[in-house]
Amino acid sequence: MKVAATVYTLASVAVLTLMIMRSPVEVTSPAVATTPTPTVEATQEATVAPTVEATPEATVAPTVEAAPEATVAPTVEATPATATSAFDTATPTAPNTAVNPEPASARSDTNNAAPVPATTTQEASPAATTTPEAATPEPMTAPTAAPANIVMPPSPTEPATPEPVNTPTPVTEPTSTSPSIPEEKKNDVVPTAANKPAPDANAIPDYALEQSITNEASATLTDGEVITLNDGKQNFMGILTPAEHPRGAVIILPGCGSSLNGTVAHPLRTGLSSKGWTTLSLQMPVLAKGATYYDYVPLFFNADKRIDAGIALLKQKSISPIVLAAHDCGSHMAMNWLSNKGDSEIAAYVGLGMGAIDAGQEMVQALPLDKLKVPVLDIYGEKDTAQVSSLIPARQTLIQKAGNTHSKQMVLPEADHDFTNKGDSLSAVIATWLNSLPL
């Protein structure tokens, strides 16, 4: 027994000598990374105080069989005081376990593997091989390297704070610098007084062409009665188509250069008369083929005379109320007459394809729809001209401004500007609206 004690004492002295001579290392437990771990030097101070020779009984080492149990029992939280008491008591402990914890992989196999010397455990630690300390150790703080069983994210260089990105603000035209007329509306500007045409009392229609149109219309007339009227200078033709029990009369103004048997005038005068409205179609002043809106503007004065003549005829026949209906350029003539005479002589106004002009030209007069007190029906084709379609919102606004609750704006599906093959539908829509009015 003494021999065994002597051998164990020599082994203990050798172990302590190795522990004193080896360089200190930082050891950290993955589970308690933030808890400072006592250094070997601190352990040495705690364990060297009682010499081996003074207390041989206290230095009796546990047997090999108890080593696995000793390495498992203490936890990482063991303090240096525990290491000191290990040499002061007869109960065997594992003081090196608190100072030199085994890696997680080694601890998981403790029950199955032979005990490993403390020096071997320290050398196997990743922290010992990657982050050696200086010869004179300092108290441990936070670990400088991550254990092998914990994946620590890299510490990238702090990225430079990007400068704030200024989101572009939608650009709008400044109010103070905007022109008085928006750029996109410049085409609606009335031409200057020096360039714009105006109604002219001395302007003369192409009477020869007009007579040719009259002769053709008279030769093919199958319904209605040809009426001769006078504009103050020259006779012109009208076609009166009476209704059997008339509710009133509708004066029809065809487009510039159009015949009274055209795609709009003919179905209207026959269709409305079959629905209780006597019609009077007036031949409006015409010019040679190819004449434009600007060319017709001077003839608006003559057109006023023709409308007056038509109203006078109906009054002579005691047919009332009187409704004015105009298509295409005829609506410009009607608007001019309403601007000059007002609406006191009519009970309602029907505008078909209002606002049509030739490309590159501008209306010389604003539509006076907002000044009319009588009900207004603004009707246009779904496939009308671009100019007519572009004025839909403006016309609606003017009609609403006038304030007559019976006024309406209507579109005829699939119809073009001339209401081709839509005559029956057109006359039905107009008759239905007229019959709904309190006239």
Foldseek 3Di string as FASTA:
>chain_A
DVVVLVVLLVVVVVLLVVLVPDAKFADAAQVCQQDFADISVLLCVLAPPDPCVVCVQLPDADDQVCVLVQLLPDDLPDDSVVSNVSSVDNDHHDSLCNRQPAHPVCNVCSVPDGDDDSVVRLVPWPRCVPPGDDRDDDGDGRRPDDTPVDDDDDDDDPDDDDDDDDDDDDDDDDPVPADPAHPVCPQQDADDPVPAAAAAPPDDFPVVVQVVLVVVCVVPDDAFDWDWWDLPPDIHIKTKHAAPAAPFEEEEEEAAPDHCCDLANVLQQVQLSPLRYIYIYTDAGYHDPPDFLRNCNRSLSSLLSRVVRVLVVCVVVVGDDYEYEYAHSRVVSVQVNCVVPNCPNHQEYEYELPQDGDPPHYDNDDRQLLVHLHAYEAEYEPAEDPRSVVCVVVNVVSNVNNPDPLHDYYYDYPAYRSRHVNSNVVNVVVSVSVVVDPD
